[in-house]
């Protein structure tokens, strides 16, 4: 299995300050749950997201940065693509 790199609680490559990430529940959870194998369950990650106080900020970040993999703000890649199409 390849290593999963999650920018969540660890900042971003470009040094951008993202204080909301320090409060993200996913930073305290198994990162593998947020990047399931193709066809794998997203249930556990979405359950964590539903209880997270920074869910909206996380989703906004994913949409603005075109995150294509993983669960962000409680939505899968497919759900985020659908949301972007509906917004156009």
PDB file of N, CA and C in Angstrom:
ATOM      1  N   UNK A   1       0.852  -1.179   0.000  1.00  0.00           N
ATOM      2  CA  UNK A   1       0.000   0.000   0.000  1.00  0.00           C
ATOM      3  C   UNK A   1       0.888   1.230   0.000  1.00  0.00           C
ATOM      4  N   UNK A   2       0.562   2.211  -0.801  1.00  0.00           N
ATOM      5  CA  UNK A   2       1.373   3.419  -0.877  1.00  0.00           C
ATOM      6  C   UNK A   2       1.108   4.316   0.326  1.00  0.00           C
ATOM      7  N   UNK A   3       2.092   5.143   0.622  1.00  0.00           N
ATOM      8  CA  UNK A   3       1.964   6.065   1.747  1.00  0.00           C
ATOM      9  C   UNK A   3       0.944   7.145   1.432  1.00  0.00           C
ATOM     10  N   UNK A   4       0.107   7.459   2.396  1.00  0.00           N
ATOM     11  CA  UNK A   4      -0.909   8.491   2.228  1.00  0.00           C
ATOM     12  C   UNK A   4      -0.402   9.764   2.874  1.00  0.00           C
ATOM     13  N   UNK A   5      -0.355  10.839   2.114  1.00  0.00           N
ATOM     14  CA  UNK A   5       0.066  12.125   2.641  1.00  0.00           C
ATOM     15  C   UNK A   5      -1.164  13.004   2.762  1.00  0.00           C
ATOM     16  N   UNK A   6      -1.448  13.449   3.974  1.00  0.00           N
ATOM     17  CA  UNK A   6      -2.630  14.264   4.231  1.00  0.00           C
ATOM     18  C   UNK A   6      -2.190  15.652   4.658  1.00  0.00           C
ATOM     19  N   UNK A   7      -2.588  16.657   3.920  1.00  0.00           N
ATOM     20  CA  UNK A   7      -2.189  18.011   4.271  1.00  0.00           C
ATOM     21  C   UNK A   7      -2.989  18.594   5.425  1.00  0.00           C
ATOM     22  N   UNK A   8      -3.924  17.869   5.968  1.00  0.00           N
ATOM     23  CA  UNK A   8      -4.867  18.435   6.919  1.00  0.00           C
ATOM     24  C   UNK A   8      -4.212  19.128   8.105  1.00  0.00           C
ATOM     25  N   UNK A   9      -3.795  18.426   9.102  1.00  0.00           N
ATOM     26  CA  UNK A   9      -3.295  19.083  10.296  1.00  0.00           C
ATOM     27  C   UNK A   9      -1.836  19.477  10.172  1.00  0.00           C
ATOM     28  N   UNK A  10      -1.267  19.329   9.012  1.00  0.00           N
ATOM     29  CA  UNK A  10       0.156  19.554   8.850  1.00  0.00           C
ATOM     30  C   UNK A  10       0.474  20.725   7.936  1.00  0.00           C
ATOM     31  N   UNK A  11      -0.481  21.602   7.635  1.00  0.00           N
ATOM     32  CA  UNK A  11      -0.235  22.739   6.763  1.00  0.00           C
ATOM     33  C   UNK A  11      -0.205  22.302   5.309  1.00  0.00           C
ATOM     34  N   UNK A  12       0.223  23.201   4.443  1.00  0.00           N
ATOM     35  CA  UNK A  12       0.276  22.885   3.026  1.00  0.00           C
ATOM     36  C   UNK A  12       1.686  23.072   2.506  1.00  0.00           C
ATOM     37  N   UNK A  13       1.928  22.564   1.327  1.00  0.00           N
ATOM     38  CA  UNK A  13       3.242  22.665   0.721  1.00  0.00           C
ATOM     39  C   UNK A  13       3.650  24.112   0.476  1.00  0.00           C
ATOM     40  N   UNK A  14       2.699  24.984   0.213  1.00  0.00           N
ATOM     41  CA  UNK A  14       3.032  26.369  -0.100  1.00  0.00           C
ATOM     42  C   UNK A  14       3.125  27.248   1.149  1.00  0.00           C
ATOM     43  N   UNK A  15       3.066  26.658   2.338  1.00  0.00           N
ATOM     44  CA  UNK A  15       3.239  27.400   3.567  1.00  0.00           C
ATOM     45  C   UNK A  15       2.018  28.183   4.000  1.00  0.00           C
ATOM     46  N   UNK A  16       0.895  27.995   3.340  1.00  0.00           N
ATOM     47  CA  UNK A  16      -0.327  28.714   3.677  1.00  0.00           C
ATOM     48  C   UNK A  16      -0.761  28.376   5.105  1.00  0.00           C
ATOM     49  N   UNK A  17      -1.177  29.402   5.849  1.00  0.00           N
ATOM     50  CA  UNK A  17      -1.649  29.192   7.212  1.00  0.00           C
ATOM     51  C   UNK A  17      -3.100  28.724   7.194  1.00  0.00           C
ATOM     52  N   UNK A  18      -3.358  27.608   7.822  1.00  0.00           N
ATOM     53  CA  UNK A  18      -4.710  27.051   7.845  1.00  0.00           C
ATOM     54  C   UNK A  18      -5.055  26.651   9.279  1.00  0.00           C
ATOM     55  N   UNK A  19      -5.399  27.631  10.094  1.00  0.00           N
ATOM     56  CA  UNK A  19      -5.691  27.371  11.488  1.00  0.00           C
ATOM     57  C   UNK A  19      -6.825  26.395  11.717  1.00  0.00           C
ATOM     58  N   UNK A  20      -7.789  26.344  10.796  1.00  0.00           N
ATOM     59  CA  UNK A  20      -8.918  25.434  10.968  1.00  0.00           C
ATOM     60  C   UNK A  20      -8.448  23.983  11.021  1.00  0.00           C
ATOM     61  N   UNK A  21      -7.361  23.684  10.378  1.00  0.00           N
ATOM     62  CA  UNK A  21      -6.884  22.300  10.330  1.00  0.00           C
ATOM     63  C   UNK A  21      -6.465  21.792  11.701  1.00  0.00           C
ATOM     64  N   UNK A  22      -6.031  22.681  12.564  1.00  0.00           N
ATOM     65  CA  UNK A  22      -5.646  22.270  13.907  1.00  0.00           C
ATOM     66  C   UNK A  22      -6.845  21.782  14.711  1.00  0.00           C
ATOM     67  N   UNK A  23      -8.036  22.239  14.348  1.00  0.00           N
ATOM     68  CA  UNK A  23      -9.260  21.840  15.050  1.00  0.00           C
ATOM     69  C   UNK A  23      -9.988  20.692  14.354  1.00  0.00           C
ATOM     70  N   UNK A  24      -9.484  20.256  13.225  1.00  0.00           N
ATOM     71  CA  UNK A  24     -10.144  19.204  12.440  1.00  0.00           C
ATOM     72  C   UNK A  24     -10.071  17.856  13.156  1.00  0.00           C
ATOM     73  N   UNK A  25     -11.205  17.196  13.247  1.00  0.00           N
ATOM     74  CA  UNK A  25     -11.244  15.894  13.900  1.00  0.00           C
ATOM     75  C   UNK A  25     -10.438  14.842  13.153  1.00  0.00           C
ATOM     76  N   UNK A  26     -10.316  15.001  11.850  1.00  0.00           N
ATOM     77  CA  UNK A  26      -9.573  14.019  11.069  1.00  0.00           C
ATOM     78  C   UNK A  26      -8.102  13.988  11.463  1.00  0.00           C
ATOM     79  N   UNK A  27      -7.599  15.080  12.021  1.00  0.00           N
ATOM     80  CA  UNK A  27      -6.211  15.122  12.454  1.00  0.00           C
ATOM     81  C   UNK A  27      -5.974  14.195  13.641  1.00  0.00           C
ATOM     82  N   UNK A  28      -7.049  13.781  14.285  1.00  0.00           N
ATOM     83  CA  UNK A  28      -6.956  12.915  15.458  1.00  0.00           C
ATOM     84  C   UNK A  28      -7.436  11.497  15.130  1.00  0.00           C
ATOM     85  N   UNK A  29      -7.578  11.206  13.850  1.00  0.00           N
ATOM     86  CA  UNK A  29      -8.170   9.957  13.391  1.00  0.00           C
ATOM     87  C   UNK A  29      -7.236   9.271  12.409  1.00  0.00           C
ATOM     88  N   UNK A  30      -7.489   8.015  12.151  1.00  0.00           N
ATOM     89  CA  UNK A  30      -6.702   7.250  11.188  1.00  0.00           C
ATOM     90  C   UNK A  30      -6.823   7.872   9.804  1.00  0.00           C
ATOM     91  N   UNK A  31      -5.745   8.371   9.224  1.00  0.00           N
ATOM     92  CA  UNK A  31      -5.821   9.034   7.919  1.00  0.00           C
ATOM     93  C   UNK A  31      -6.269   8.103   6.789  1.00  0.00           C
ATOM     94  N   UNK A  32      -6.045   6.829   6.930  1.00  0.00           N
ATOM     95  CA  UNK A  32      -6.434   5.878   5.888  1.00  0.00           C
ATOM     96  C   UNK A  32      -7.945   5.899   5.653  1.00  0.00           C
ATOM     97  N   UNK A  33      -8.716   6.222   6.680  1.00  0.00           N
ATOM     98  CA  UNK A  33     -10.176   6.256   6.545  1.00  0.00           C
ATOM     99  C   UNK A  33     -10.621   7.342   5.561  1.00  0.00           C
ATOM    100  N   UNK A  34      -9.830   8.392   5.415  1.00  0.00           N
ATOM    101  CA  UNK A  34     -10.201   9.521   4.559  1.00  0.00           C
ATOM    102  C   UNK A  34      -9.722   9.351   3.116  1.00  0.00           C
ATOM    103  N   UNK A  35      -8.949   8.312   2.883  1.00  0.00           N
ATOM    104  CA  UNK A  35      -8.446   8.007   1.545  1.00  0.00           C
ATOM    105  C   UNK A  35      -8.619   6.520   1.268  1.00  0.00           C
ATOM    106  N   UNK A  36      -9.884   6.061   1.201  1.00  0.00           N
ATOM    107  CA  UNK A  36     -10.126   4.628   1.022  1.00  0.00           C
ATOM    108  C   UNK A  36      -9.705   4.154  -0.375  1.00  0.00           C
ATOM    109  N   UNK A  37      -9.408   2.876  -0.460  1.00  0.00           N
ATOM    110  CA  UNK A  37      -9.116   2.268  -1.752  1.00  0.00           C
ATOM    111  C   UNK A  37     -10.345   2.417  -2.643  1.00  0.00           C
ATOM    112  N   UNK A  38     -10.162   2.371  -3.957  1.00  0.00           N
ATOM    113  CA  UNK A  38     -11.287   2.484  -4.882  1.00  0.00           C
ATOM    114  C   UNK A  38     -12.339   1.435  -4.521  1.00  0.00           C
ATOM    115  N   UNK A  39     -13.564   1.891  -4.373  1.00  0.00           N
ATOM    116  CA  UNK A  39     -14.656   1.007  -3.992  1.00  0.00           C
ATOM    117  C   UNK A  39     -14.767   0.770  -2.497  1.00  0.00           C
ATOM    118  N   UNK A  40     -13.822   1.320  -1.728  1.00  0.00           N
ATOM    119  CA  UNK A  40     -13.842   1.146  -0.283  1.00  0.00           C
ATOM    120  C   UNK A  40     -14.892   2.031   0.376  1.00  0.00           C
ATOM    121  N   UNK A  41     -15.193   1.721   1.594  1.00  0.00           N
ATOM    122  CA  UNK A  41     -16.219   2.454   2.334  1.00  0.00           C
ATOM    123  C   UNK A  41     -15.729   3.828   2.786  1.00  0.00           C
ATOM    124  N   UNK A  42     -16.612   4.796   2.675  1.00  0.00           N
ATOM    125  CA  UNK A  42     -16.340   6.153   3.162  1.00  0.00           C
ATOM    126  C   UNK A  42     -17.137   6.438   4.437  1.00  0.00           C
ATOM    127  N   UNK A  43     -17.846   5.447   4.908  1.00  0.00           N
ATOM    128  CA  UNK A  43     -18.771   5.613   6.040  1.00  0.00           C
ATOM    129  C   UNK A  43     -18.087   6.178   7.284  1.00  0.00           C
ATOM    130  N   UNK A  44     -16.958   5.589   7.694  1.00  0.00           N
ATOM    131  CA  UNK A  44     -16.298   6.038   8.926  1.00  0.00           C
ATOM    132  C   UNK A  44     -15.780   7.468   8.806  1.00  0.00           C
ATOM    133  N   UNK A  45     -15.190   7.805   7.671  1.00  0.00           N
ATOM    134  CA  UNK A  45     -14.680   9.165   7.478  1.00  0.00           C
ATOM    135  C   UNK A  45     -15.824  10.171   7.519  1.00  0.00           C
ATOM    136  N   UNK A  46     -16.909   9.866   6.840  1.00  0.00           N
ATOM    137  CA  UNK A  46     -18.044  10.787   6.818  1.00  0.00           C
ATOM    138  C   UNK A  46     -18.668  10.939   8.199  1.00  0.00           C
ATOM    139  N   UNK A  47     -18.622   9.889   8.998  1.00  0.00           N
ATOM    140  CA  UNK A  47     -19.137   9.956  10.366  1.00  0.00           C
ATOM    141  C   UNK A  47     -18.307  10.946  11.188  1.00  0.00           C
ATOM    142  N   UNK A  48     -16.991  10.901  11.020  1.00  0.00           N
ATOM    143  CA  UNK A  48     -16.107  11.854  11.704  1.00  0.00           C
ATOM    144  C   UNK A  48     -16.411  13.270  11.222  1.00  0.00           C
ATOM    145  N   UNK A  49     -16.560  13.439   9.923  1.00  0.00           N
ATOM    146  CA  UNK A  49     -16.831  14.764   9.352  1.00  0.00           C
ATOM    147  C   UNK A  49     -18.126  15.366   9.879  1.00  0.00           C
ATOM    148  N   UNK A  50     -19.150  14.549  10.031  1.00  0.00           N
ATOM    149  CA  UNK A  50     -20.439  15.072  10.515  1.00  0.00           C
ATOM    150  C   UNK A  50     -20.314  15.715  11.892  1.00  0.00           C
ATOM    151  N   UNK A  51     -19.379  15.240  12.701  1.00  0.00           N
ATOM    152  CA  UNK A  51     -19.213  15.772  14.049  1.00  0.00           C
ATOM    153  C   UNK A  51     -18.159  16.881  14.127  1.00  0.00           C
ATOM    154  N   UNK A  52     -17.533  17.214  13.010  1.00  0.00           N
ATOM    155  CA  UNK A  52     -16.408  18.148  13.004  1.00  0.00           C
ATOM    156  C   UNK A  52     -16.872  19.599  12.898  1.00  0.00           C
ATOM    157  N   UNK A  53     -16.308  20.447  13.730  1.00  0.00           N
ATOM    158  CA  UNK A  53     -16.687  21.865  13.762  1.00  0.00           C
ATOM    159  C   UNK A  53     -16.139  22.655  12.584  1.00  0.00           C
ATOM    160  N   UNK A  54     -15.158  22.136  11.858  1.00  0.00           N
ATOM    161  CA  UNK A  54     -14.569  22.871  10.742  1.00  0.00           C
ATOM    162  C   UNK A  54     -14.891  22.221   9.394  1.00  0.00           C
ATOM    163  N   UNK A  55     -15.970  21.491   9.348  1.00  0.00           N
ATOM    164  CA  UNK A  55     -16.379  20.794   8.123  1.00  0.00           C
ATOM    165  C   UNK A  55     -16.535  21.759   6.938  1.00  0.00           C
ATOM    166  N   UNK A  56     -17.169  22.894   7.163  1.00  0.00           N
ATOM    167  CA  UNK A  56     -17.392  23.860   6.078  1.00  0.00           C
ATOM    168  C   UNK A  56     -16.070  24.411   5.552  1.00  0.00           C
ATOM    169  N   UNK A  57     -15.144  24.737   6.456  1.00  0.00           N
ATOM    170  CA  UNK A  57     -13.842  25.252   6.037  1.00  0.00           C
ATOM    171  C   UNK A  57     -13.070  24.202   5.242  1.00  0.00           C
ATOM    172  N   UNK A  58     -13.167  22.969   5.678  1.00  0.00           N
ATOM    173  CA  UNK A  58     -12.497  21.860   4.998  1.00  0.00           C
ATOM    174  C   UNK A  58     -13.035  21.685   3.573  1.00  0.00           C
ATOM    175  N   UNK A  59     -14.345  21.695   3.447  1.00  0.00           N
ATOM    176  CA  UNK A  59     -14.953  21.543   2.127  1.00  0.00           C
ATOM    177  C   UNK A  59     -14.581  22.719   1.230  1.00  0.00           C
ATOM    178  N   UNK A  60     -14.624  23.920   1.767  1.00  0.00           N
ATOM    179  CA  UNK A  60     -14.254  25.104   0.991  1.00  0.00           C
ATOM    180  C   UNK A  60     -12.809  24.998   0.497  1.00  0.00           C
ATOM    181  N   UNK A  61     -11.925  24.559   1.375  1.00  0.00           N
ATOM    182  CA  UNK A  61     -10.520  24.375   0.997  1.00  0.00           C
ATOM    183  C   UNK A  61     -10.402  23.370  -0.153  1.00  0.00           C
ATOM    184  N   UNK A  62     -11.075  22.241  -0.026  1.00  0.00           N
ATOM    185  CA  UNK A  62     -11.003  21.196  -1.051  1.00  0.00           C
ATOM    186  C   UNK A  62     -11.515  21.695  -2.397  1.00  0.00           C
ATOM    187  N   UNK A  63     -12.590  22.458  -2.379  1.00  0.00           N
ATOM    188  CA  UNK A  63     -13.150  22.977  -3.625  1.00  0.00           C
ATOM    189  C   UNK A  63     -12.232  24.031  -4.241  1.00  0.00           C
ATOM    190  N   UNK A  64     -11.684  24.899  -3.430  1.00  0.00           N
ATOM    191  CA  UNK A  64     -10.804  25.954  -3.936  1.00  0.00           C
ATOM    192  C   UNK A  64      -9.489  25.407  -4.469  1.00  0.00           C
ATOM    193  N   UNK A  65      -9.019  24.310  -3.878  1.00  0.00           N
ATOM    194  CA  UNK A  65      -7.731  23.738  -4.271  1.00  0.00           C
ATOM    195  C   UNK A  65      -7.889  22.506  -5.160  1.00  0.00           C
ATOM    196  N   UNK A  66      -9.097  22.262  -5.619  1.00  0.00           N
ATOM    197  CA  UNK A  66      -9.375  21.160  -6.530  1.00  0.00           C
ATOM    198  C   UNK A  66      -8.812  19.830  -6.038  1.00  0.00           C
ATOM    199  N   UNK A  67      -9.044  19.544  -4.758  1.00  0.00           N
ATOM    200  CA  UNK A  67      -8.611  18.265  -4.189  1.00  0.00           C
ATOM    201  C   UNK A  67      -9.382  17.148  -4.882  1.00  0.00           C
ATOM    202  N   UNK A  68      -8.680  16.218  -5.464  1.00  0.00           N
ATOM    203  CA  UNK A  68      -9.318  15.176  -6.253  1.00  0.00           C
ATOM    204  C   UNK A  68      -9.391  13.836  -5.554  1.00  0.00           C
ATOM    205  N   UNK A  69      -8.762  13.718  -4.405  1.00  0.00           N
ATOM    206  CA  UNK A  69      -8.752  12.434  -3.719  1.00  0.00           C
ATOM    207  C   UNK A  69      -9.185  12.608  -2.276  1.00  0.00           C
ATOM    208  N   UNK A  70      -9.837  11.614  -1.749  1.00  0.00           N
ATOM    209  CA  UNK A  70     -10.166  11.582  -0.336  1.00  0.00           C
ATOM    210  C   UNK A  70     -11.483  12.248   0.022  1.00  0.00           C
ATOM    211  N   UNK A  71     -11.783  12.138   1.295  1.00  0.00           N
ATOM    212  CA  UNK A  71     -12.988  12.738   1.871  1.00  0.00           C
ATOM    213  C   UNK A  71     -12.577  14.081   2.466  1.00  0.00           C
ATOM    214  N   UNK A  72     -13.231  15.126   2.018  1.00  0.00           N
ATOM    215  CA  UNK A  72     -12.974  16.486   2.505  1.00  0.00           C
ATOM    216  C   UNK A  72     -14.327  17.121   2.815  1.00  0.00           C
ATOM    217  N   UNK A  73     -14.460  17.661   4.009  1.00  0.00           N
ATOM    218  CA  UNK A  73     -15.705  18.318   4.374  1.00  0.00           C
ATOM    219  C   UNK A  73     -16.902  17.389   4.320  1.00  0.00           C
ATOM    220  N   UNK A  74     -16.661  16.110   4.467  1.00  0.00           N
ATOM    221  CA  UNK A  74     -17.751  15.132   4.475  1.00  0.00           C
ATOM    222  C   UNK A  74     -18.179  14.654   3.097  1.00  0.00           C
ATOM    223  N   UNK A  75     -17.489  15.085   2.045  1.00  0.00           N
ATOM    224  CA  UNK A  75     -17.872  14.681   0.692  1.00  0.00           C
ATOM    225  C   UNK A  75     -16.745  13.920   0.005  1.00  0.00           C
ATOM    226  N   UNK A  76     -17.136  12.943  -0.792  1.00  0.00           N
ATOM    227  CA  UNK A  76     -16.177  12.180  -1.588  1.00  0.00           C
ATOM    228  C   UNK A  76     -15.795  12.974  -2.829  1.00  0.00           C
ATOM    229  N   UNK A  77     -14.832  12.455  -3.568  1.00  0.00           N
ATOM    230  CA  UNK A  77     -14.422  13.108  -4.813  1.00  0.00           C
ATOM    231  C   UNK A  77     -15.619  13.280  -5.743  1.00  0.00           C
ATOM    232  N   UNK A  78     -16.380  12.227  -5.912  1.00  0.00           N
ATOM    233  CA  UNK A  78     -17.550  12.256  -6.799  1.00  0.00           C
ATOM    234  C   UNK A  78     -18.566  13.292  -6.334  1.00  0.00           C
ATOM    235  N   UNK A  79     -18.813  13.340  -5.034  1.00  0.00           N
ATOM    236  CA  UNK A  79     -19.785  14.298  -4.494  1.00  0.00           C
ATOM    237  C   UNK A  79     -19.305  15.740  -4.673  1.00  0.00           C
ATOM    238  N   UNK A  80     -17.997  15.970  -4.534  1.00  0.00           N
ATOM    239  CA  UNK A  80     -17.472  17.325  -4.743  1.00  0.00           C
ATOM    240  C   UNK A  80     -17.567  17.729  -6.208  1.00  0.00           C
ATOM    241  N   UNK A  81     -17.298  16.800  -7.126  1.00  0.00           N
ATOM    242  CA  UNK A  81     -17.436  17.112  -8.561  1.00  0.00           C
ATOM    243  C   UNK A  81     -18.876  17.482  -8.883  1.00  0.00           C
ATOM    244  N   UNK A  82     -19.824  16.730  -8.335  1.00  0.00           N
ATOM    245  CA  UNK A  82     -21.250  17.000  -8.568  1.00  0.00           C
ATOM    246  C   UNK A  82     -21.612  18.382  -8.021  1.00  0.00           C
ATOM    247  N   UNK A  83     -21.130  18.698  -6.832  1.00  0.00           N
ATOM    248  CA  UNK A  83     -21.398  19.990  -6.220  1.00  0.00           C
ATOM    249  C   UNK A  83     -20.856  21.129  -7.090  1.00  0.00           C
ATOM    250  N   UNK A  84     -19.656  20.952  -7.622  1.00  0.00           N
ATOM    251  CA  UNK A  84     -19.059  21.983  -8.492  1.00  0.00           C
ATOM    252  C   UNK A  84     -19.867  22.143  -9.779  1.00  0.00           C
ATOM    253  N   UNK A  85     -20.325  21.042 -10.355  1.00  0.00           N
ATOM    254  CA  UNK A  85     -21.128  21.126 -11.583  1.00  0.00           C
ATOM    255  C   UNK A  85     -22.433  21.860 -11.312  1.00  0.00           C
ATOM    256  N   UNK A  86     -23.062  21.605 -10.177  1.00  0.00           N
ATOM    257  CA  UNK A  86     -24.323  22.251  -9.831  1.00  0.00           C
ATOM    258  C   UNK A  86     -24.145  23.752  -9.596  1.00  0.00           C
ATOM    259  N   UNK A  87     -22.959  24.141  -9.168  1.00  0.00           N
ATOM    260  CA  UNK A  87     -22.684  25.557  -8.864  1.00  0.00           C
ATOM    261  C   UNK A  87     -22.457  26.379 -10.133  1.00  0.00           C
ATOM    262  N   UNK A  88     -22.185  25.713 -11.239  1.00  0.00           N
ATOM    263  CA  UNK A  88     -21.885  26.439 -12.489  1.00  0.00           C
ATOM    264  C   UNK A  88     -23.138  26.886 -13.176  1.00  0.00           C
TER     265      UNK A  88
END
